[in-house]
Amino acid sequence: MMQFYFLSVSYLILSSLIILPEKWKRQLSFLILFREKLREEKRARRLYCLAGLAIGLGSLLFPMEPGPRIVGDFIPSFFVFFLSLMIYFIYSDKREDAYVESLRTERYERIGKVSLIVALIHFLFPFLVLV
């Protein structure tokens, strides 16, 4: 279905930009506010995670044509699942922001860049089966 394609690309881009370091977000100040909302409100975190899981499942079961019916676009769906759970667990921690940033900045930056590349490939080549 075309709706899950658009939602999966949008979710990948938004989630990638959320986990990228501060230097990437200075031009996009709404991401800093969105990240703080995810950190402070448990309901927003749950809703974002559930939306990601639903989008991932939908893009897995209803791929773009001519994709395989069962597996669908496996790599974008996997990244949507992974990013939704990753963001949920990152922002559910009660650790200091400086502590999290100092330990995991490079890893988050790599995951964010890879998921942006997956979103770009998924957007530019919608009929390419990413299995």
N, C-alpha and C. Protein backbone atom coordinates (compact mmCIF):
# COMPACT_ATOMS: atom_id res chain seq x y z
N MET A 1 0.84 -1.18 0.00
CA MET A 1 0.00 0.00 0.00
C MET A 1 0.88 1.24 0.00
N MET A 2 0.45 2.19 -0.71
CA MET A 2 1.21 3.42 -0.86
C MET A 2 1.31 4.21 0.45
N GLN A 3 0.30 4.10 1.31
CA GLN A 3 0.31 4.84 2.57
C GLN A 3 1.44 4.38 3.48
N PHE A 4 1.65 3.08 3.56
CA PHE A 4 2.72 2.57 4.42
C PHE A 4 4.09 2.92 3.86
N TYR A 5 4.20 3.02 2.55
CA TYR A 5 5.46 3.43 1.94
C TYR A 5 5.81 4.85 2.39
N PHE A 6 4.87 5.76 2.26
CA PHE A 6 5.11 7.15 2.65
C PHE A 6 5.37 7.26 4.15
N LEU A 7 4.58 6.56 4.96
CA LEU A 7 4.76 6.61 6.40
C LEU A 7 6.10 6.02 6.83
N SER A 8 6.53 4.95 6.18
CA SER A 8 7.80 4.34 6.57
C SER A 8 8.97 5.25 6.23
N VAL A 9 8.92 5.90 5.08
CA VAL A 9 9.99 6.84 4.71
C VAL A 9 10.00 8.02 5.68
N SER A 10 8.84 8.56 5.99
CA SER A 10 8.75 9.69 6.92
C SER A 10 9.23 9.31 8.32
N TYR A 11 8.84 8.14 8.78
CA TYR A 11 9.24 7.68 10.11
C TYR A 11 10.75 7.44 10.17
N LEU A 12 11.30 6.87 9.12
CA LEU A 12 12.75 6.65 9.09
C LEU A 12 13.52 7.97 9.17
N ILE A 13 13.07 8.95 8.40
CA ILE A 13 13.76 10.24 8.39
C ILE A 13 13.63 10.94 9.74
N LEU A 14 12.43 10.98 10.29
CA LEU A 14 12.23 11.64 11.58
C LEU A 14 13.01 10.95 12.69
N SER A 15 12.96 9.63 12.74
CA SER A 15 13.69 8.91 13.78
C SER A 15 15.19 9.06 13.63
N SER A 16 15.67 9.07 12.41
CA SER A 16 17.10 9.26 12.18
C SER A 16 17.54 10.63 12.67
N LEU A 17 16.75 11.64 12.37
CA LEU A 17 17.11 12.98 12.81
C LEU A 17 17.01 13.15 14.32
N ILE A 18 16.14 12.38 14.96
CA ILE A 18 16.02 12.46 16.42
C ILE A 18 17.27 11.91 17.09
N ILE A 19 17.81 10.80 16.58
CA ILE A 19 18.95 10.19 17.28
C ILE A 19 20.30 10.77 16.86
N LEU A 20 20.32 11.59 15.81
CA LEU A 20 21.59 12.21 15.43
C LEU A 20 21.99 13.24 16.48
N PRO A 21 23.28 13.53 16.61
CA PRO A 21 23.75 14.45 17.67
C PRO A 21 23.23 15.88 17.49
N GLU A 22 23.46 16.66 18.52
CA GLU A 22 22.97 18.04 18.56
C GLU A 22 23.44 18.89 17.39
N LYS A 23 24.65 18.68 16.92
CA LYS A 23 25.16 19.53 15.84
C LYS A 23 24.33 19.38 14.57
N TRP A 24 23.65 18.26 14.40
CA TRP A 24 22.77 18.07 13.25
C TRP A 24 21.44 18.77 13.46
N LYS A 25 21.04 18.97 14.72
CA LYS A 25 19.71 19.47 15.01
C LYS A 25 19.64 20.98 15.21
N ARG A 26 20.73 21.65 15.20
CA ARG A 26 20.69 23.09 15.48
C ARG A 26 19.89 23.84 14.43
N GLN A 27 19.92 23.38 13.19
CA GLN A 27 19.14 24.03 12.15
C GLN A 27 17.66 23.65 12.24
N LEU A 28 17.38 22.51 12.85
CA LEU A 28 16.00 22.02 12.97
C LEU A 28 15.61 22.02 14.45
N SER A 29 15.22 23.18 14.96
CA SER A 29 14.99 23.31 16.39
C SER A 29 13.76 22.53 16.86
N PHE A 30 12.81 22.24 15.98
CA PHE A 30 11.64 21.49 16.41
C PHE A 30 12.03 20.07 16.83
N LEU A 31 13.14 19.55 16.32
CA LEU A 31 13.58 18.21 16.71
C LEU A 31 14.07 18.19 18.16
N ILE A 32 14.68 19.27 18.59
CA ILE A 32 15.12 19.35 19.98
C ILE A 32 13.90 19.36 20.91
N LEU A 33 12.87 20.10 20.53
CA LEU A 33 11.65 20.14 21.33
C LEU A 33 10.94 18.79 21.31
N PHE A 34 10.93 18.12 20.16
CA PHE A 34 10.30 16.82 20.05
C PHE A 34 11.04 15.78 20.89
N ARG A 35 12.35 15.85 20.89
CA ARG A 35 13.16 14.93 21.68
C ARG A 35 12.91 15.13 23.17
N GLU A 36 12.79 16.37 23.60
CA GLU A 36 12.50 16.65 25.01
C GLU A 36 11.12 16.14 25.40
N LYS A 37 10.17 16.25 24.49
CA LYS A 37 8.83 15.73 24.77
C LYS A 37 8.87 14.21 24.92
N LEU A 38 9.66 13.53 24.08
CA LEU A 38 9.81 12.08 24.20
C LEU A 38 10.49 11.70 25.51
N ARG A 39 11.43 12.51 25.93
CA ARG A 39 12.16 12.22 27.17
C ARG A 39 11.26 12.43 28.39
N GLU A 40 10.43 13.44 28.39
CA GLU A 40 9.67 13.79 29.57
C GLU A 40 8.33 13.07 29.69
N GLU A 41 7.67 12.81 28.56
CA GLU A 41 6.32 12.25 28.63
C GLU A 41 6.32 10.78 28.21
N LYS A 42 5.91 9.96 29.14
CA LYS A 42 5.86 8.51 28.89
C LYS A 42 4.83 8.17 27.82
N ARG A 43 3.73 8.88 27.82
CA ARG A 43 2.67 8.62 26.83
C ARG A 43 3.13 8.92 25.41
N ALA A 44 3.86 10.01 25.23
CA ALA A 44 4.38 10.36 23.91
C ALA A 44 5.37 9.31 23.43
N ARG A 45 6.20 8.81 24.33
CA ARG A 45 7.16 7.76 24.00
C ARG A 45 6.45 6.48 23.56
N ARG A 46 5.44 6.09 24.30
CA ARG A 46 4.68 4.89 23.96
C ARG A 46 3.97 5.04 22.62
N LEU A 47 3.37 6.19 22.41
CA LEU A 47 2.64 6.43 21.16
C LEU A 47 3.58 6.41 19.96
N TYR A 48 4.76 7.01 20.11
CA TYR A 48 5.73 7.02 19.02
C TYR A 48 6.23 5.61 18.73
N CYS A 49 6.46 4.83 19.76
CA CYS A 49 6.91 3.44 19.59
C CYS A 49 5.82 2.59 18.94
N LEU A 50 4.59 2.71 19.41
CA LEU A 50 3.49 1.94 18.82
C LEU A 50 3.24 2.33 17.37
N ALA A 51 3.37 3.62 17.06
CA ALA A 51 3.22 4.05 15.67
C ALA A 51 4.31 3.43 14.80
N GLY A 52 5.52 3.39 15.30
CA GLY A 52 6.62 2.78 14.55
C GLY A 52 6.40 1.30 14.33
N LEU A 53 5.93 0.60 15.36
CA LEU A 53 5.68 -0.83 15.21
C LEU A 53 4.56 -1.09 14.21
N ALA A 54 3.51 -0.27 14.23
CA ALA A 54 2.41 -0.44 13.28
C ALA A 54 2.86 -0.13 11.85
N ILE A 55 3.65 0.91 11.67
CA ILE A 55 4.15 1.27 10.34
C ILE A 55 5.09 0.19 9.83
N GLY A 56 5.95 -0.32 10.69
CA GLY A 56 6.86 -1.39 10.29
C GLY A 56 6.13 -2.65 9.88
N LEU A 57 5.12 -3.02 10.65
CA LEU A 57 4.33 -4.20 10.33
C LEU A 57 3.54 -3.99 9.03
N GLY A 58 2.99 -2.81 8.86
CA GLY A 58 2.24 -2.52 7.64
C GLY A 58 3.11 -2.53 6.40
N SER A 59 4.30 -1.97 6.50
CA SER A 59 5.19 -1.97 5.33
C SER A 59 5.78 -3.35 5.08
N LEU A 60 5.83 -4.18 6.09
CA LEU A 60 6.30 -5.55 5.91
C LEU A 60 5.24 -6.40 5.22
N LEU A 61 3.99 -6.22 5.60
CA LEU A 61 2.91 -7.04 5.04
C LEU A 61 2.35 -6.51 3.73
N PHE A 62 2.41 -5.21 3.52
CA PHE A 62 1.86 -4.60 2.30
C PHE A 62 2.94 -3.81 1.58
N PRO A 63 3.86 -4.49 0.90
CA PRO A 63 4.96 -3.79 0.25
C PRO A 63 4.52 -3.08 -1.02
N MET A 64 5.41 -2.25 -1.54
CA MET A 64 5.17 -1.62 -2.84
C MET A 64 5.21 -2.70 -3.90
N GLU A 65 4.39 -2.56 -4.90
CA GLU A 65 4.41 -3.52 -6.01
C GLU A 65 5.72 -3.37 -6.74
N PRO A 66 6.37 -4.34 -7.20
CA PRO A 66 6.14 -5.77 -7.32
C PRO A 66 6.81 -6.56 -6.22
N GLY A 67 6.90 -6.02 -5.03
CA GLY A 67 7.58 -6.69 -3.93
C GLY A 67 6.91 -7.99 -3.53
N PRO A 68 7.66 -8.88 -2.91
CA PRO A 68 7.06 -10.14 -2.46
C PRO A 68 6.01 -9.89 -1.39
N ARG A 69 4.94 -10.63 -1.44
CA ARG A 69 3.79 -10.38 -0.59
C ARG A 69 4.07 -10.64 0.89
N ILE A 70 4.82 -11.63 1.22
CA ILE A 70 5.03 -11.98 2.63
C ILE A 70 6.13 -11.14 3.27
N VAL A 71 7.28 -11.06 2.62
CA VAL A 71 8.43 -10.41 3.22
C VAL A 71 8.39 -8.90 3.01
N GLY A 72 7.96 -8.45 1.87
CA GLY A 72 7.86 -7.02 1.60
C GLY A 72 9.21 -6.34 1.57
N ASP A 73 9.23 -5.12 2.00
CA ASP A 73 10.48 -4.37 2.10
C ASP A 73 11.06 -4.64 3.48
N PHE A 74 11.86 -5.67 3.56
CA PHE A 74 12.33 -6.15 4.86
C PHE A 74 13.27 -5.15 5.54
N ILE A 75 14.22 -4.61 4.80
CA ILE A 75 15.22 -3.71 5.42
C ILE A 75 14.58 -2.43 5.94
N PRO A 76 13.74 -1.72 5.17
CA PRO A 76 13.08 -0.53 5.75
C PRO A 76 12.18 -0.88 6.93
N SER A 77 11.49 -2.02 6.85
CA SER A 77 10.63 -2.42 7.98
C SER A 77 11.46 -2.73 9.21
N PHE A 78 12.58 -3.41 9.01
CA PHE A 78 13.47 -3.71 10.14
C PHE A 78 13.97 -2.42 10.78
N PHE A 79 14.38 -1.45 9.97
CA PHE A 79 14.88 -0.21 10.52
C PHE A 79 13.78 0.57 11.24
N VAL A 80 12.55 0.52 10.76
CA VAL A 80 11.45 1.18 11.46
C VAL A 80 11.23 0.53 12.82
N PHE A 81 11.19 -0.82 12.85
CA PHE A 81 11.07 -1.53 14.13
C PHE A 81 12.22 -1.18 15.06
N PHE A 82 13.44 -1.26 14.53
CA PHE A 82 14.63 -1.03 15.33
C PHE A 82 14.67 0.39 15.90
N LEU A 83 14.39 1.39 15.06
CA LEU A 83 14.44 2.77 15.52
C LEU A 83 13.33 3.08 16.53
N SER A 84 12.15 2.49 16.32
CA SER A 84 11.08 2.76 17.29
C SER A 84 11.43 2.20 18.66
N LEU A 85 11.95 0.98 18.70
CA LEU A 85 12.35 0.41 19.99
C LEU A 85 13.57 1.10 20.57
N MET A 86 14.50 1.49 19.72
CA MET A 86 15.71 2.17 20.18
C MET A 86 15.36 3.52 20.82
N ILE A 87 14.52 4.29 20.16
CA ILE A 87 14.13 5.59 20.70
C ILE A 87 13.34 5.41 22.00
N TYR A 88 12.49 4.39 22.05
CA TYR A 88 11.74 4.15 23.28
C TYR A 88 12.67 3.86 24.44
N PHE A 89 13.66 3.01 24.23
CA PHE A 89 14.56 2.65 25.34
C PHE A 89 15.58 3.74 25.64
N ILE A 90 16.00 4.49 24.65
CA ILE A 90 16.94 5.59 24.91
C ILE A 90 16.29 6.63 25.81
N TYR A 91 15.09 7.04 25.46
CA TYR A 91 14.47 8.13 26.19
C TYR A 91 13.69 7.67 27.41
N SER A 92 13.61 6.37 27.66
CA SER A 92 12.99 5.92 28.90
C SER A 92 14.00 5.84 30.03
N ASP A 93 15.29 5.91 29.70
CA ASP A 93 16.32 5.93 30.73
C ASP A 93 16.23 7.22 31.53
N LYS A 94 16.57 7.13 32.79
CA LYS A 94 16.56 8.31 33.65
C LYS A 94 17.97 8.84 33.85
N ARG A 95 18.84 8.59 32.90
CA ARG A 95 20.23 9.04 33.02
C ARG A 95 20.36 10.50 32.59
N GLU A 96 21.48 11.06 32.96
CA GLU A 96 21.78 12.42 32.55
C GLU A 96 22.02 12.45 31.05
N ASP A 97 21.67 13.54 30.41
CA ASP A 97 21.86 13.67 28.97
C ASP A 97 23.34 13.64 28.62
N ALA A 98 24.19 14.26 29.43
CA ALA A 98 25.62 14.28 29.14
C ALA A 98 26.22 12.88 29.24
N TYR A 99 25.73 12.10 30.17
CA TYR A 99 26.22 10.73 30.32
C TYR A 99 25.90 9.89 29.08
N VAL A 100 24.67 9.98 28.62
CA VAL A 100 24.26 9.22 27.43
C VAL A 100 25.03 9.70 26.21
N GLU A 101 25.16 11.00 26.07
CA GLU A 101 25.87 11.55 24.91
C GLU A 101 27.33 11.13 24.90
N SER A 102 27.96 11.12 26.04
CA SER A 102 29.38 10.80 26.08
C SER A 102 29.64 9.33 25.75
N LEU A 103 28.74 8.45 26.13
CA LEU A 103 28.96 7.03 25.89
C LEU A 103 28.58 6.56 24.48
N ARG A 104 27.55 7.13 23.93
CA ARG A 104 26.97 6.53 22.73
C ARG A 104 26.84 7.44 21.53
N THR A 105 27.46 8.58 21.51
CA THR A 105 27.27 9.53 20.43
C THR A 105 27.69 8.97 19.08
N GLU A 106 28.84 8.35 19.02
CA GLU A 106 29.33 7.84 17.75
C GLU A 106 28.44 6.72 17.22
N ARG A 107 28.01 5.84 18.11
CA ARG A 107 27.15 4.74 17.70
C ARG A 107 25.81 5.26 17.19
N TYR A 108 25.22 6.22 17.88
CA TYR A 108 23.95 6.79 17.45
C TYR A 108 24.10 7.50 16.11
N GLU A 109 25.22 8.19 15.94
CA GLU A 109 25.44 8.91 14.69
C GLU A 109 25.54 7.93 13.52
N ARG A 110 26.22 6.82 13.71
CA ARG A 110 26.33 5.82 12.64
C ARG A 110 24.97 5.20 12.32
N ILE A 111 24.21 4.86 13.34
CA ILE A 111 22.88 4.28 13.12
C ILE A 111 21.97 5.29 12.43
N GLY A 112 22.05 6.56 12.84
CA GLY A 112 21.25 7.60 12.20
C GLY A 112 21.60 7.80 10.74
N LYS A 113 22.89 7.80 10.43
CA LYS A 113 23.31 7.96 9.04
C LYS A 113 22.89 6.78 8.17
N VAL A 114 23.04 5.56 8.70
CA VAL A 114 22.64 4.37 7.93
C VAL A 114 21.13 4.37 7.69
N SER A 115 20.36 4.74 8.70
CA SER A 115 18.92 4.75 8.49
C SER A 115 18.48 5.87 7.55
N LEU A 116 19.21 6.98 7.53
CA LEU A 116 18.92 8.02 6.53
C LEU A 116 19.22 7.52 5.12
N ILE A 117 20.29 6.76 4.96
CA ILE A 117 20.63 6.18 3.65
C ILE A 117 19.56 5.18 3.22
N VAL A 118 19.09 4.36 4.15
CA VAL A 118 18.02 3.41 3.83
C VAL A 118 16.75 4.15 3.43
N ALA A 119 16.41 5.23 4.14
CA ALA A 119 15.23 6.03 3.79
C ALA A 119 15.39 6.67 2.42
N LEU A 120 16.58 7.14 2.10
CA LEU A 120 16.82 7.75 0.79
C LEU A 120 16.70 6.72 -0.32
N ILE A 121 17.29 5.55 -0.15
CA ILE A 121 17.17 4.50 -1.17
C ILE A 121 15.72 4.05 -1.30
N HIS A 122 15.03 3.92 -0.18
CA HIS A 122 13.63 3.50 -0.20
C HIS A 122 12.76 4.55 -0.89
N PHE A 123 13.11 5.83 -0.74
CA PHE A 123 12.34 6.90 -1.38
C PHE A 123 12.64 7.01 -2.87
N LEU A 124 13.93 6.96 -3.23
CA LEU A 124 14.31 7.14 -4.62
C LEU A 124 13.94 5.96 -5.51
N PHE A 125 13.98 4.77 -4.95
CA PHE A 125 13.69 3.56 -5.72
C PHE A 125 12.57 2.78 -5.02
N PRO A 126 11.31 3.23 -5.12
CA PRO A 126 10.25 2.57 -4.38
C PRO A 126 9.94 1.16 -4.85
N PHE A 127 10.25 0.84 -6.09
CA PHE A 127 9.93 -0.49 -6.60
C PHE A 127 11.10 -1.46 -6.43
N LEU A 128 12.20 -0.98 -5.89
CA LEU A 128 13.34 -1.86 -5.61
C LEU A 128 13.02 -2.67 -4.36
N VAL A 129 13.12 -3.96 -4.46
CA VAL A 129 12.80 -4.82 -3.33
C VAL A 129 14.02 -4.89 -2.43
N LEU A 130 13.89 -4.32 -1.23
CA LEU A 130 14.99 -4.29 -0.28
C LEU A 130 14.86 -5.46 0.68
N VAL A 131 15.26 -6.62 0.23
CA VAL A 131 15.20 -7.83 1.06
C VAL A 131 16.58 -8.30 1.34
